N, C-alpha and C. Protein backbone atom coordinates (compact mmCIF):
# COMPACT_ATOMS: atom_id res chain seq x y z
N UNK A 1 -3.83 9.92 -36.37
CA UNK A 1 -3.20 11.19 -36.65
C UNK A 1 -2.18 11.46 -35.56
N UNK A 2 -0.94 11.62 -35.89
CA UNK A 2 0.12 11.92 -34.93
C UNK A 2 0.07 13.39 -34.57
N UNK A 3 0.76 13.74 -33.51
CA UNK A 3 0.75 15.12 -33.04
C UNK A 3 1.42 16.04 -34.05
N UNK A 4 0.84 17.21 -34.22
CA UNK A 4 1.43 18.24 -35.08
C UNK A 4 1.52 19.51 -34.26
N UNK A 5 2.67 20.11 -34.26
CA UNK A 5 2.95 21.33 -33.52
C UNK A 5 2.33 21.35 -32.13
N UNK A 6 2.57 20.30 -31.37
CA UNK A 6 2.17 20.29 -29.98
C UNK A 6 0.74 19.86 -29.70
N UNK A 7 -0.08 19.66 -30.72
CA UNK A 7 -1.47 19.26 -30.49
C UNK A 7 -1.56 17.74 -30.45
N UNK A 8 -1.85 17.22 -29.29
CA UNK A 8 -1.98 15.76 -29.13
C UNK A 8 -3.44 15.40 -28.97
N UNK A 9 -3.79 14.25 -29.51
CA UNK A 9 -5.13 13.73 -29.25
C UNK A 9 -5.16 13.24 -27.80
N UNK A 10 -6.29 13.44 -27.15
CA UNK A 10 -6.50 12.97 -25.78
C UNK A 10 -7.65 11.97 -25.84
N UNK A 11 -7.33 10.71 -25.63
CA UNK A 11 -8.32 9.64 -25.75
C UNK A 11 -8.52 8.95 -24.40
N UNK A 12 -9.77 8.63 -24.10
CA UNK A 12 -10.06 7.94 -22.84
C UNK A 12 -11.11 6.86 -23.05
N UNK A 13 -10.90 5.73 -22.40
CA UNK A 13 -11.91 4.69 -22.28
C UNK A 13 -12.26 4.61 -20.81
N UNK A 14 -13.54 4.82 -20.51
CA UNK A 14 -14.03 4.82 -19.14
C UNK A 14 -15.08 3.72 -19.03
N UNK A 15 -14.84 2.78 -18.12
CA UNK A 15 -15.74 1.64 -17.93
C UNK A 15 -16.23 1.64 -16.49
N UNK A 16 -17.55 1.50 -16.31
CA UNK A 16 -18.14 1.40 -14.98
C UNK A 16 -19.08 0.21 -14.92
N UNK A 17 -18.84 -0.68 -13.98
CA UNK A 17 -19.69 -1.86 -13.82
C UNK A 17 -20.07 -1.97 -12.34
N UNK A 18 -21.36 -1.84 -12.07
CA UNK A 18 -21.85 -1.98 -10.71
C UNK A 18 -22.87 -3.09 -10.56
N UNK A 19 -23.48 -3.47 -11.67
CA UNK A 19 -24.49 -4.54 -11.65
C UNK A 19 -23.84 -5.83 -12.14
N UNK A 20 -23.82 -6.82 -11.26
CA UNK A 20 -23.18 -8.10 -11.54
C UNK A 20 -24.20 -9.22 -11.46
N UNK A 21 -24.07 -10.20 -12.34
CA UNK A 21 -24.99 -11.33 -12.38
C UNK A 21 -24.73 -12.34 -11.27
N UNK A 22 -23.46 -12.47 -10.84
CA UNK A 22 -23.11 -13.56 -9.92
C UNK A 22 -22.44 -13.09 -8.63
N UNK A 23 -22.44 -11.82 -8.35
CA UNK A 23 -21.86 -11.34 -7.09
C UNK A 23 -22.55 -10.05 -6.68
N UNK A 24 -22.17 -9.55 -5.53
CA UNK A 24 -22.79 -8.35 -4.99
C UNK A 24 -22.65 -7.18 -5.94
N UNK A 25 -23.72 -6.41 -6.05
CA UNK A 25 -23.67 -5.20 -6.85
C UNK A 25 -22.91 -4.12 -6.08
N UNK A 26 -22.35 -3.21 -6.83
CA UNK A 26 -21.67 -2.04 -6.27
C UNK A 26 -22.52 -0.82 -6.61
N UNK A 27 -22.61 0.13 -5.69
CA UNK A 27 -23.52 1.25 -5.88
C UNK A 27 -22.96 2.39 -6.73
N UNK A 28 -21.66 2.60 -6.74
CA UNK A 28 -21.13 3.83 -7.33
C UNK A 28 -20.40 3.74 -8.67
N UNK A 29 -20.03 2.60 -9.19
CA UNK A 29 -19.20 2.60 -10.40
C UNK A 29 -19.78 3.36 -11.59
N UNK A 30 -21.07 3.24 -11.85
CA UNK A 30 -21.64 3.96 -12.99
C UNK A 30 -21.57 5.47 -12.78
N UNK A 31 -21.91 5.92 -11.58
CA UNK A 31 -21.82 7.36 -11.28
C UNK A 31 -20.38 7.84 -11.37
N UNK A 32 -19.45 7.06 -10.82
CA UNK A 32 -18.04 7.43 -10.89
C UNK A 32 -17.56 7.50 -12.33
N UNK A 33 -17.96 6.53 -13.14
CA UNK A 33 -17.56 6.52 -14.55
C UNK A 33 -18.13 7.73 -15.28
N UNK A 34 -19.39 8.03 -15.04
CA UNK A 34 -20.00 9.19 -15.70
C UNK A 34 -19.36 10.50 -15.27
N UNK A 35 -19.04 10.62 -13.98
CA UNK A 35 -18.36 11.83 -13.50
C UNK A 35 -16.96 11.95 -14.09
N UNK A 36 -16.24 10.83 -14.15
CA UNK A 36 -14.90 10.84 -14.74
C UNK A 36 -14.99 11.26 -16.21
N UNK A 37 -15.96 10.71 -16.92
CA UNK A 37 -16.13 11.06 -18.34
C UNK A 37 -16.40 12.54 -18.52
N UNK A 38 -17.28 13.09 -17.71
CA UNK A 38 -17.59 14.53 -17.79
C UNK A 38 -16.36 15.38 -17.52
N UNK A 39 -15.61 15.00 -16.51
CA UNK A 39 -14.39 15.74 -16.17
C UNK A 39 -13.39 15.68 -17.31
N UNK A 40 -13.19 14.50 -17.85
CA UNK A 40 -12.23 14.34 -18.95
C UNK A 40 -12.67 15.11 -20.19
N UNK A 41 -13.95 15.07 -20.51
CA UNK A 41 -14.45 15.83 -21.66
C UNK A 41 -14.24 17.32 -21.45
N UNK A 42 -14.40 17.78 -20.21
CA UNK A 42 -14.24 19.22 -19.93
C UNK A 42 -12.81 19.69 -20.12
N UNK A 43 -11.85 18.76 -20.13
CA UNK A 43 -10.45 19.14 -20.34
C UNK A 43 -9.94 18.66 -21.70
N UNK A 44 -10.88 18.37 -22.59
CA UNK A 44 -10.51 18.12 -23.97
C UNK A 44 -10.28 16.68 -24.40
N UNK A 45 -10.62 15.72 -23.55
CA UNK A 45 -10.49 14.32 -23.95
C UNK A 45 -11.67 13.89 -24.80
N UNK A 46 -11.42 13.04 -25.76
CA UNK A 46 -12.46 12.31 -26.47
C UNK A 46 -12.68 11.05 -25.66
N UNK A 47 -13.90 10.88 -25.15
CA UNK A 47 -14.16 9.83 -24.18
C UNK A 47 -15.17 8.82 -24.72
N UNK A 48 -14.85 7.56 -24.56
CA UNK A 48 -15.78 6.46 -24.80
C UNK A 48 -16.17 5.93 -23.42
N UNK A 49 -17.45 6.06 -23.06
CA UNK A 49 -17.94 5.60 -21.76
C UNK A 49 -18.77 4.35 -21.98
N UNK A 50 -18.44 3.30 -21.24
CA UNK A 50 -19.17 2.03 -21.36
C UNK A 50 -19.55 1.56 -19.96
N UNK A 51 -20.83 1.16 -19.82
CA UNK A 51 -21.36 0.73 -18.53
C UNK A 51 -21.92 -0.69 -18.64
N UNK A 52 -21.89 -1.41 -17.53
CA UNK A 52 -22.52 -2.74 -17.40
C UNK A 52 -22.06 -3.73 -18.46
N UNK A 53 -20.78 -3.81 -18.72
CA UNK A 53 -20.29 -4.66 -19.80
C UNK A 53 -20.11 -6.12 -19.40
N UNK A 54 -20.57 -7.00 -20.28
CA UNK A 54 -20.25 -8.42 -20.16
C UNK A 54 -18.84 -8.60 -20.71
N UNK A 55 -18.24 -9.76 -20.44
CA UNK A 55 -16.84 -9.98 -20.81
C UNK A 55 -16.59 -9.75 -22.30
N UNK A 56 -17.39 -10.32 -23.17
CA UNK A 56 -17.14 -10.19 -24.60
C UNK A 56 -17.22 -8.73 -25.04
N UNK A 57 -18.18 -7.98 -24.50
CA UNK A 57 -18.33 -6.57 -24.85
C UNK A 57 -17.19 -5.73 -24.27
N UNK A 58 -16.77 -6.07 -23.07
CA UNK A 58 -15.65 -5.35 -22.45
C UNK A 58 -14.37 -5.59 -23.23
N UNK A 59 -14.15 -6.83 -23.63
CA UNK A 59 -12.96 -7.17 -24.41
C UNK A 59 -12.96 -6.40 -25.73
N UNK A 60 -14.12 -6.35 -26.41
CA UNK A 60 -14.22 -5.62 -27.69
C UNK A 60 -13.99 -4.12 -27.49
N UNK A 61 -14.55 -3.55 -26.43
CA UNK A 61 -14.36 -2.12 -26.16
C UNK A 61 -12.88 -1.81 -25.94
N UNK A 62 -12.21 -2.67 -25.20
CA UNK A 62 -10.78 -2.46 -24.92
C UNK A 62 -9.95 -2.60 -26.19
N UNK A 63 -10.22 -3.63 -26.98
CA UNK A 63 -9.48 -3.83 -28.23
C UNK A 63 -9.71 -2.66 -29.18
N UNK A 64 -10.96 -2.21 -29.33
CA UNK A 64 -11.25 -1.06 -30.20
C UNK A 64 -10.49 0.17 -29.73
N UNK A 65 -10.46 0.38 -28.41
CA UNK A 65 -9.74 1.53 -27.86
C UNK A 65 -8.25 1.41 -28.15
N UNK A 66 -7.69 0.24 -27.88
CA UNK A 66 -6.26 0.03 -28.13
C UNK A 66 -5.91 0.31 -29.59
N UNK A 67 -6.75 -0.17 -30.50
CA UNK A 67 -6.48 0.00 -31.93
C UNK A 67 -6.64 1.44 -32.40
N UNK A 68 -7.36 2.25 -31.64
CA UNK A 68 -7.56 3.66 -32.03
C UNK A 68 -6.36 4.53 -31.66
N UNK A 69 -5.48 4.02 -30.82
CA UNK A 69 -4.35 4.82 -30.31
C UNK A 69 -3.26 4.94 -31.35
N UNK A 70 -2.81 6.17 -31.53
CA UNK A 70 -1.70 6.48 -32.43
C UNK A 70 -0.51 6.94 -31.59
N UNK A 71 0.70 6.80 -32.14
CA UNK A 71 1.86 7.32 -31.41
C UNK A 71 1.67 8.79 -31.06
N UNK A 72 2.08 9.15 -29.87
CA UNK A 72 2.04 10.51 -29.35
C UNK A 72 0.67 10.94 -28.81
N UNK A 73 -0.33 10.04 -28.81
CA UNK A 73 -1.61 10.36 -28.18
C UNK A 73 -1.45 10.36 -26.67
N UNK A 74 -2.32 11.10 -26.00
CA UNK A 74 -2.45 11.01 -24.55
C UNK A 74 -3.58 10.02 -24.30
N UNK A 75 -3.34 9.01 -23.48
CA UNK A 75 -4.28 7.91 -23.32
C UNK A 75 -4.63 7.74 -21.85
N UNK A 76 -5.93 7.60 -21.58
CA UNK A 76 -6.38 7.35 -20.22
C UNK A 76 -7.36 6.18 -20.23
N UNK A 77 -7.11 5.21 -19.35
CA UNK A 77 -8.02 4.08 -19.15
C UNK A 77 -8.50 4.15 -17.71
N UNK A 78 -9.83 4.05 -17.52
CA UNK A 78 -10.42 4.10 -16.18
C UNK A 78 -11.41 2.94 -16.06
N UNK A 79 -11.29 2.19 -14.97
CA UNK A 79 -12.24 1.12 -14.69
C UNK A 79 -12.74 1.26 -13.27
N UNK A 80 -14.06 1.23 -13.09
CA UNK A 80 -14.68 1.20 -11.77
C UNK A 80 -15.55 -0.05 -11.70
N UNK A 81 -15.30 -0.88 -10.71
CA UNK A 81 -16.06 -2.12 -10.55
C UNK A 81 -15.30 -3.09 -9.67
N UNK A 82 -15.70 -4.36 -9.74
CA UNK A 82 -15.01 -5.39 -8.96
C UNK A 82 -13.66 -5.73 -9.59
N UNK A 83 -12.69 -6.00 -8.74
CA UNK A 83 -11.38 -6.45 -9.18
C UNK A 83 -10.89 -7.54 -8.25
N UNK A 84 -10.01 -8.37 -8.75
CA UNK A 84 -9.44 -9.46 -7.96
C UNK A 84 -7.94 -9.49 -8.22
N UNK A 85 -7.17 -9.72 -7.14
CA UNK A 85 -5.75 -9.95 -7.31
C UNK A 85 -5.46 -11.40 -6.97
N UNK A 86 -4.78 -12.09 -7.89
CA UNK A 86 -4.41 -13.48 -7.69
C UNK A 86 -3.05 -13.72 -8.33
N UNK A 87 -2.15 -14.32 -7.60
CA UNK A 87 -0.79 -14.59 -8.05
C UNK A 87 -0.14 -13.35 -8.66
N UNK A 88 -0.18 -12.27 -7.91
CA UNK A 88 0.46 -11.00 -8.27
C UNK A 88 -0.09 -10.37 -9.55
N UNK A 89 -1.26 -10.76 -9.98
CA UNK A 89 -1.90 -10.17 -11.15
C UNK A 89 -3.24 -9.58 -10.73
N UNK A 90 -3.60 -8.45 -11.35
CA UNK A 90 -4.88 -7.82 -11.08
C UNK A 90 -5.83 -8.11 -12.24
N UNK A 91 -7.06 -8.47 -11.89
CA UNK A 91 -8.07 -8.81 -12.89
C UNK A 91 -9.29 -7.91 -12.69
N UNK A 92 -9.84 -7.43 -13.80
CA UNK A 92 -11.05 -6.63 -13.80
C UNK A 92 -12.21 -7.58 -14.08
N UNK A 93 -13.30 -7.41 -13.34
CA UNK A 93 -14.40 -8.36 -13.40
C UNK A 93 -15.57 -7.80 -14.21
N UNK A 94 -15.86 -8.41 -15.37
CA UNK A 94 -17.03 -8.01 -16.15
C UNK A 94 -18.32 -8.41 -15.44
N UNK A 95 -19.44 -7.90 -15.91
CA UNK A 95 -20.72 -8.11 -15.22
C UNK A 95 -21.18 -9.56 -15.22
N UNK A 96 -20.76 -10.36 -16.20
CA UNK A 96 -21.24 -11.73 -16.30
C UNK A 96 -20.24 -12.78 -15.81
N UNK A 97 -19.16 -12.36 -15.17
CA UNK A 97 -18.17 -13.32 -14.68
C UNK A 97 -18.80 -14.18 -13.59
N UNK A 98 -18.74 -15.50 -13.75
CA UNK A 98 -19.31 -16.38 -12.73
C UNK A 98 -18.43 -16.40 -11.49
N UNK A 99 -18.95 -16.96 -10.41
CA UNK A 99 -18.12 -17.19 -9.24
C UNK A 99 -16.97 -18.07 -9.69
N UNK A 100 -15.75 -17.65 -9.41
CA UNK A 100 -14.62 -18.37 -9.95
C UNK A 100 -13.54 -18.65 -8.94
N UNK A 101 -12.72 -19.60 -9.31
CA UNK A 101 -11.50 -19.84 -8.55
C UNK A 101 -10.38 -19.12 -9.28
N UNK A 102 -9.26 -18.93 -8.62
CA UNK A 102 -8.16 -18.20 -9.22
C UNK A 102 -7.73 -18.73 -10.57
N UNK A 103 -7.78 -20.04 -10.75
CA UNK A 103 -7.34 -20.64 -12.00
C UNK A 103 -8.23 -20.24 -13.18
N UNK A 104 -9.46 -19.81 -12.92
CA UNK A 104 -10.40 -19.43 -13.98
C UNK A 104 -10.26 -17.98 -14.42
N UNK A 105 -9.49 -17.19 -13.71
CA UNK A 105 -9.46 -15.76 -13.98
C UNK A 105 -8.98 -15.41 -15.39
N UNK A 106 -8.02 -16.15 -15.92
CA UNK A 106 -7.52 -15.83 -17.26
C UNK A 106 -8.57 -15.99 -18.35
N UNK A 107 -9.58 -16.82 -18.12
CA UNK A 107 -10.61 -17.02 -19.14
C UNK A 107 -11.91 -16.30 -18.82
N UNK A 108 -12.13 -15.91 -17.57
CA UNK A 108 -13.41 -15.30 -17.20
C UNK A 108 -13.32 -13.83 -16.83
N UNK A 109 -12.12 -13.35 -16.54
CA UNK A 109 -11.93 -11.94 -16.17
C UNK A 109 -10.96 -11.31 -17.16
N UNK A 110 -10.58 -10.07 -16.93
CA UNK A 110 -9.68 -9.36 -17.84
C UNK A 110 -8.44 -8.93 -17.06
N UNK A 111 -7.29 -9.36 -17.53
CA UNK A 111 -6.03 -9.06 -16.86
C UNK A 111 -5.66 -7.59 -17.08
N UNK A 112 -5.56 -6.84 -15.99
CA UNK A 112 -5.26 -5.41 -16.08
C UNK A 112 -3.88 -5.14 -16.67
N UNK A 113 -2.90 -5.97 -16.32
CA UNK A 113 -1.55 -5.75 -16.84
C UNK A 113 -1.50 -5.94 -18.36
N UNK A 114 -2.29 -6.88 -18.86
CA UNK A 114 -2.36 -7.07 -20.32
C UNK A 114 -2.88 -5.82 -21.01
N UNK A 115 -3.88 -5.18 -20.42
CA UNK A 115 -4.41 -3.94 -21.00
C UNK A 115 -3.32 -2.88 -21.01
N UNK A 116 -2.67 -2.70 -19.87
CA UNK A 116 -1.62 -1.69 -19.77
C UNK A 116 -0.50 -1.95 -20.77
N UNK A 117 -0.09 -3.20 -20.90
CA UNK A 117 0.96 -3.55 -21.86
C UNK A 117 0.53 -3.22 -23.29
N UNK A 118 -0.70 -3.58 -23.64
CA UNK A 118 -1.20 -3.31 -24.99
C UNK A 118 -1.30 -1.82 -25.27
N UNK A 119 -1.73 -1.04 -24.28
CA UNK A 119 -1.78 0.41 -24.46
C UNK A 119 -0.37 0.96 -24.68
N UNK A 120 0.57 0.52 -23.88
CA UNK A 120 1.96 0.99 -23.99
C UNK A 120 2.59 0.61 -25.32
N UNK A 121 2.22 -0.55 -25.84
CA UNK A 121 2.76 -1.00 -27.13
C UNK A 121 2.35 -0.10 -28.29
N UNK A 122 1.31 0.69 -28.10
CA UNK A 122 0.85 1.61 -29.15
C UNK A 122 1.68 2.90 -29.17
N UNK A 123 2.61 3.05 -28.26
CA UNK A 123 3.55 4.19 -28.18
C UNK A 123 2.87 5.54 -27.96
N UNK A 124 1.97 5.61 -26.99
CA UNK A 124 1.37 6.91 -26.70
C UNK A 124 2.39 7.84 -26.03
N UNK A 125 2.09 9.12 -26.05
CA UNK A 125 2.93 10.10 -25.37
C UNK A 125 2.92 9.82 -23.87
N UNK A 126 1.73 9.56 -23.35
CA UNK A 126 1.57 9.23 -21.93
C UNK A 126 0.37 8.30 -21.80
N UNK A 127 0.45 7.39 -20.82
CA UNK A 127 -0.65 6.50 -20.50
C UNK A 127 -1.02 6.71 -19.04
N UNK A 128 -2.29 6.99 -18.80
CA UNK A 128 -2.81 7.13 -17.43
C UNK A 128 -3.75 5.95 -17.24
N UNK A 129 -3.51 5.16 -16.21
CA UNK A 129 -4.24 3.91 -15.99
C UNK A 129 -4.82 3.94 -14.58
N UNK A 130 -6.12 4.11 -14.47
CA UNK A 130 -6.77 4.26 -13.18
C UNK A 130 -7.74 3.10 -12.92
N UNK A 131 -7.53 2.41 -11.81
CA UNK A 131 -8.42 1.33 -11.41
C UNK A 131 -9.08 1.71 -10.10
N UNK A 132 -10.39 1.79 -10.11
CA UNK A 132 -11.18 2.13 -8.94
C UNK A 132 -11.99 0.88 -8.59
N UNK A 133 -11.33 -0.06 -7.93
CA UNK A 133 -11.91 -1.40 -7.74
C UNK A 133 -12.19 -1.73 -6.29
N UNK A 134 -13.27 -2.46 -6.10
CA UNK A 134 -13.50 -3.19 -4.86
C UNK A 134 -12.75 -4.49 -5.09
N UNK A 135 -11.58 -4.65 -4.45
CA UNK A 135 -10.67 -5.76 -4.78
C UNK A 135 -10.64 -6.83 -3.72
N UNK A 136 -10.37 -8.03 -4.19
CA UNK A 136 -10.13 -9.18 -3.34
C UNK A 136 -8.71 -9.65 -3.58
N UNK A 137 -8.05 -10.08 -2.53
CA UNK A 137 -6.70 -10.63 -2.63
C UNK A 137 -6.76 -12.11 -2.31
N UNK A 138 -6.02 -12.90 -3.06
CA UNK A 138 -6.02 -14.34 -2.83
C UNK A 138 -4.61 -14.88 -2.78
N UNK A 139 -4.47 -15.89 -1.95
CA UNK A 139 -3.19 -16.57 -1.88
C UNK A 139 -3.08 -17.54 -3.04
N UNK A 140 -2.06 -18.33 -3.07
CA UNK A 140 -1.81 -19.22 -4.21
C UNK A 140 -2.72 -20.44 -4.25
N UNK A 141 -3.68 -20.55 -3.37
CA UNK A 141 -4.58 -21.69 -3.40
C UNK A 141 -5.61 -21.48 -4.51
N UNK A 142 -5.51 -22.20 -5.63
CA UNK A 142 -6.41 -21.97 -6.76
C UNK A 142 -7.84 -22.38 -6.50
N UNK A 143 -8.11 -23.09 -5.40
CA UNK A 143 -9.47 -23.50 -5.12
C UNK A 143 -10.22 -22.48 -4.27
N UNK A 144 -9.54 -21.42 -3.86
CA UNK A 144 -10.20 -20.38 -3.07
C UNK A 144 -11.18 -19.65 -3.97
N UNK A 145 -12.43 -19.57 -3.53
CA UNK A 145 -13.43 -18.86 -4.32
C UNK A 145 -13.09 -17.38 -4.32
N UNK A 146 -13.10 -16.78 -5.47
CA UNK A 146 -12.67 -15.39 -5.62
C UNK A 146 -13.59 -14.40 -4.93
N UNK A 147 -14.79 -14.82 -4.55
CA UNK A 147 -15.71 -13.89 -3.90
C UNK A 147 -16.16 -14.41 -2.54
N UNK A 148 -15.40 -15.29 -1.93
CA UNK A 148 -15.83 -15.93 -0.69
C UNK A 148 -15.56 -15.10 0.55
N UNK A 149 -14.84 -14.00 0.45
CA UNK A 149 -14.52 -13.22 1.64
C UNK A 149 -15.70 -12.36 2.06
N UNK A 150 -15.66 -11.87 3.28
CA UNK A 150 -16.73 -11.07 3.84
C UNK A 150 -16.74 -9.68 3.21
N UNK A 151 -17.79 -9.38 2.44
CA UNK A 151 -17.87 -8.10 1.76
C UNK A 151 -18.12 -6.94 2.71
N UNK A 152 -18.49 -7.24 3.96
CA UNK A 152 -18.69 -6.17 4.93
C UNK A 152 -17.37 -5.59 5.43
N UNK A 153 -16.26 -6.21 5.09
CA UNK A 153 -14.95 -5.74 5.53
C UNK A 153 -14.24 -4.95 4.44
N UNK A 154 -14.99 -4.36 3.54
CA UNK A 154 -14.40 -3.57 2.45
C UNK A 154 -13.73 -2.33 3.00
N UNK A 155 -12.72 -1.90 2.29
CA UNK A 155 -12.06 -0.65 2.61
C UNK A 155 -12.24 0.29 1.43
N UNK A 156 -12.49 1.53 1.70
CA UNK A 156 -12.68 2.50 0.64
C UNK A 156 -11.45 3.38 0.51
N UNK A 157 -11.13 3.70 -0.71
CA UNK A 157 -10.02 4.60 -1.00
C UNK A 157 -10.56 5.68 -1.93
N UNK A 158 -10.33 6.91 -1.59
CA UNK A 158 -10.80 8.01 -2.43
C UNK A 158 -9.66 8.53 -3.28
N UNK A 159 -9.95 8.83 -4.52
CA UNK A 159 -8.97 9.38 -5.44
C UNK A 159 -9.57 10.64 -6.04
N UNK A 160 -8.86 11.72 -5.95
CA UNK A 160 -9.32 12.97 -6.52
C UNK A 160 -8.40 13.34 -7.66
N UNK A 161 -8.98 13.60 -8.82
CA UNK A 161 -8.23 14.04 -9.98
C UNK A 161 -8.45 15.54 -10.11
N UNK A 162 -7.38 16.28 -9.98
CA UNK A 162 -7.48 17.73 -10.06
C UNK A 162 -6.82 18.18 -11.35
N UNK A 163 -7.54 18.93 -12.13
CA UNK A 163 -7.03 19.45 -13.39
C UNK A 163 -6.49 20.85 -13.16
N UNK A 164 -5.27 21.06 -13.56
CA UNK A 164 -4.66 22.38 -13.50
C UNK A 164 -4.53 22.85 -14.94
N UNK A 165 -4.89 24.09 -15.20
CA UNK A 165 -4.88 24.64 -16.54
C UNK A 165 -3.59 24.29 -17.26
N UNK A 166 -3.72 23.72 -18.44
CA UNK A 166 -2.62 23.34 -19.33
C UNK A 166 -1.81 22.14 -18.84
N UNK A 167 -2.21 21.47 -17.79
CA UNK A 167 -1.48 20.30 -17.32
C UNK A 167 -1.48 19.21 -18.38
N UNK A 168 -2.61 19.03 -19.08
CA UNK A 168 -2.71 17.96 -20.05
C UNK A 168 -2.39 18.42 -21.47
N UNK A 169 -1.93 19.64 -21.63
CA UNK A 169 -1.55 20.07 -22.97
C UNK A 169 -0.05 19.92 -23.12
N UNK A 170 0.43 20.01 -24.34
CA UNK A 170 1.85 19.76 -24.58
C UNK A 170 2.73 20.89 -24.10
């Protein structure tokens, strides 16, 4: 349904993954995802919240979300979990992704830019794309293990989303 007289649909896909089969667990992604979902619902978004997704389920959730978007919708994608950057691309890590080298990322992880491109191709009014990731950066050496760095050297970044009355309305 396209917008009529200023009323736009507000759609959000919120994914939180903290429990991983092959790497360190993260403590906050599920809580962060649930809090984000509650906040978005309170400002009128229709929210699909998905937690602890394996790659196949994450891919299906993203495709279903992409296909639900109509022109002029307001769209928000949020991911909390592990992420990896390799060769200038950002990858989101599903719960079942094995320990991988950079060359495996296209088949075992989910390319964030591909998601953003697919969302944009649906011609929404606006796309908000939020990644709350514990990220690893890798050089061009494809044999570098994507999770081999010292996890005790993590850096935290806080993001606050403040809603101002009517900010998300037309």
